[in-house]
Amino acid sequence: MSKKPRVLLADAHADFRRALLRFLKPEFEVVGALPDGPSILEAIERSPPEVVLIELSAPIDESLALAGLILERSPEARVIFLSSLASPSLARSALSTGALGYVDKLSAAERLIPVIRAALWDRKRAGDVPRSCVPQAGAPLRGNRRDD
């Protein structure tokens, strides 16, 4: 039996965290579901995960800076943003931090697991940004797939 990838989640909304935790557990080892950035930075220091899911919320600059701190402290981590804001320009800003994905919360049930798998697979191959995570200019952000 192969080891499940370790995922750490930070989202301010307790109900969403609980739902996402139940959703991810069959496929991943969820090592934490935390409410904020400082908590997630402490958790990364204790036990670095392979994937970090962080909520992109106001203030946006703080969320973007958090991704940079995560990657600085755990360079092998794959950061994926979750957001209730479906904005191509915001997605590009999020991905410019080194994050490998941006998934709007409305499509998380359908798109999040494939985006996590793509981030894990692509990082193992070449360290490139997975195509399935890059928003196409002008396209709706339904999980950030080029073929949407």
Protein backbone atom coordinates (compact mmCIF):
# COMPACT_ATOMS: atom_id res chain seq x y z
CA MET A 1 0.00 0.00 0.00
CA SER A 2 1.42 3.36 -1.00
CA LYS A 3 1.64 6.30 1.35
CA LYS A 4 -1.02 8.98 0.93
CA PRO A 5 0.24 12.50 0.14
CA ARG A 6 0.18 14.80 3.17
CA VAL A 7 -2.13 17.83 2.87
CA LEU A 8 -2.43 20.83 5.17
CA LEU A 9 -5.44 23.14 4.89
CA ALA A 10 -5.94 26.75 6.03
CA ASP A 11 -9.34 28.38 5.66
CA ALA A 12 -11.08 30.84 7.97
CA HIS A 13 -14.49 29.21 7.52
CA ALA A 14 -14.93 26.32 9.98
CA ASP A 15 -17.81 24.70 8.06
CA PHE A 16 -15.84 24.74 4.82
CA ARG A 17 -12.76 23.31 6.58
CA ARG A 18 -14.82 20.45 8.04
CA ALA A 19 -16.45 19.67 4.68
CA LEU A 20 -13.11 19.78 2.87
CA LEU A 21 -11.51 17.60 5.51
CA ARG A 22 -14.16 14.89 4.99
CA PHE A 23 -13.85 15.27 1.23
CA LEU A 24 -10.04 14.93 1.14
CA LYS A 25 -9.51 12.19 3.74
CA PRO A 26 -10.20 9.19 1.46
CA GLU A 27 -7.38 10.22 -0.91
CA PHE A 28 -4.95 12.18 1.24
CA GLU A 29 -3.51 12.26 4.73
CA VAL A 30 -4.89 15.55 6.02
CA VAL A 31 -2.37 16.64 8.65
CA GLY A 32 -4.24 19.75 9.71
CA ALA A 33 -7.25 21.96 9.03
CA LEU A 34 -6.40 25.35 10.45
CA PRO A 35 -8.06 28.78 10.55
CA ASP A 36 -5.20 31.12 9.65
CA GLY A 37 -1.72 31.77 8.31
CA PRO A 38 0.25 31.81 11.57
CA SER A 39 -1.21 28.43 12.50
CA ILE A 40 -0.24 26.96 9.16
CA LEU A 41 3.32 28.29 9.39
CA GLU A 42 3.71 26.63 12.80
CA ALA A 43 2.33 23.34 11.44
CA ILE A 44 4.75 23.41 8.50
CA GLU A 45 7.67 23.84 10.88
CA ARG A 46 6.57 20.76 12.85
CA SER A 47 5.86 18.46 9.92
CA PRO A 48 6.17 19.71 6.32
CA PRO A 49 3.27 18.60 4.12
CA GLU A 50 3.46 17.89 0.40
CA VAL A 51 0.46 20.11 -0.40
CA VAL A 52 -0.77 23.25 1.35
CA LEU A 53 -4.27 24.51 0.55
CA ILE A 54 -4.75 28.12 1.58
CA GLU A 55 -7.73 30.39 1.34
CA LEU A 56 -7.20 33.47 -0.78
CA SER A 57 -9.17 36.10 1.09
CA ALA A 58 -9.03 39.71 2.15
CA PRO A 59 -6.59 41.17 2.67
CA ILE A 60 -5.39 39.58 -0.57
CA ASP A 61 -1.79 40.80 -0.14
CA GLU A 62 -1.49 38.89 3.14
CA SER A 63 -2.73 35.67 1.53
CA LEU A 64 -0.27 36.08 -1.34
CA ALA A 65 2.58 36.81 1.09
CA LEU A 66 1.64 33.68 3.06
CA ALA A 67 2.27 31.55 -0.02
CA GLY A 68 5.76 33.03 -0.29
CA LEU A 69 6.48 32.29 3.37
CA ILE A 70 5.23 28.73 3.01
CA LEU A 71 7.48 28.12 0.01
CA GLU A 72 10.42 29.78 1.76
CA ARG A 73 10.05 27.52 4.80
CA SER A 74 9.07 24.40 2.89
CA PRO A 75 10.41 24.66 -0.69
CA GLU A 76 9.09 21.22 -1.66
CA ALA A 77 5.51 22.10 -0.73
CA ARG A 78 2.93 22.57 -3.45
CA VAL A 79 0.70 25.53 -2.65
CA ILE A 80 -2.84 25.65 -4.01
CA PHE A 81 -5.14 28.59 -3.39
CA LEU A 82 -8.86 28.21 -2.68
CA SER A 83 -11.00 31.25 -3.29
CA SER A 84 -14.60 32.34 -3.44
CA LEU A 85 -13.44 34.96 -5.95
CA ALA A 86 -13.40 33.72 -9.55
CA SER A 87 -11.09 36.30 -11.10
CA PRO A 88 -8.51 35.54 -13.81
CA SER A 89 -6.32 38.46 -12.72
CA LEU A 90 -6.43 37.32 -9.10
CA ALA A 91 -5.59 33.78 -10.20
CA ARG A 92 -2.57 35.07 -12.13
CA SER A 93 -1.42 37.03 -9.07
CA ALA A 94 -1.83 33.92 -6.92
CA LEU A 95 0.13 31.75 -9.34
CA SER A 96 2.89 34.36 -9.59
CA THR A 97 3.75 33.61 -5.94
CA GLY A 98 4.92 30.12 -6.90
CA ALA A 99 1.60 28.49 -6.08
CA LEU A 100 0.67 25.65 -8.41
CA GLY A 101 -3.07 26.07 -8.39
CA TYR A 102 -6.11 28.26 -7.91
CA VAL A 103 -9.51 26.65 -7.43
CA ASP A 104 -12.70 28.55 -6.81
CA LYS A 105 -14.62 27.15 -3.87
CA LEU A 106 -17.78 26.60 -5.92
CA SER A 107 -15.98 24.06 -8.09
CA ALA A 108 -13.82 22.52 -5.34
CA ALA A 109 -15.85 19.29 -5.15
CA GLU A 110 -15.30 18.72 -8.85
CA ARG A 111 -11.83 20.20 -9.42
CA LEU A 112 -9.74 20.20 -6.27
CA ILE A 113 -8.58 16.57 -6.20
CA PRO A 114 -7.51 16.63 -9.89
CA VAL A 115 -5.64 19.91 -9.30
CA ILE A 116 -3.87 18.45 -6.24
CA ARG A 117 -2.91 15.33 -8.22
CA ALA A 118 -1.62 17.45 -11.11
CA ALA A 119 0.48 19.56 -8.74
CA LEU A 120 1.95 16.45 -7.12
CA TRP A 121 2.61 14.74 -10.42
CA ASP A 122 4.08 17.73 -12.23
CA ARG A 123 6.36 18.72 -9.35
CA LYS A 124 7.73 15.17 -9.25
CA ARG A 125 8.42 15.29 -12.99
CA ALA A 126 9.92 18.67 -13.72
CA GLY A 127 8.90 21.29 -11.20
CA ASP A 128 6.75 23.07 -13.77
CA VAL A 129 3.35 24.58 -13.11
CA PRO A 130 0.67 22.01 -14.01
CA ARG A 131 -1.33 23.09 -17.02
CA SER A 132 -4.55 22.12 -15.30
CA CYS A 133 -3.89 24.84 -12.74
CA VAL A 134 -3.20 27.77 -15.04
CA PRO A 135 -6.19 29.97 -15.88
CA GLN A 136 -6.71 30.83 -19.51
CA ALA A 137 -7.15 34.54 -20.11
CA GLY A 138 -10.81 35.33 -20.60
CA ALA A 139 -11.98 31.85 -19.62
CA PRO A 140 -14.22 31.21 -16.63
CA LEU A 141 -12.34 29.93 -13.61
CA ARG A 142 -13.97 26.55 -13.05
CA GLY A 143 -10.95 24.84 -11.55
CA ASN A 144 -8.51 26.63 -13.81
CA ARG A 145 -8.32 24.10 -16.61
CA ARG A 146 -7.26 25.33 -20.03
CA ASP A 147 -9.91 23.19 -21.71
CA ASP A 148 -12.89 24.56 -19.73
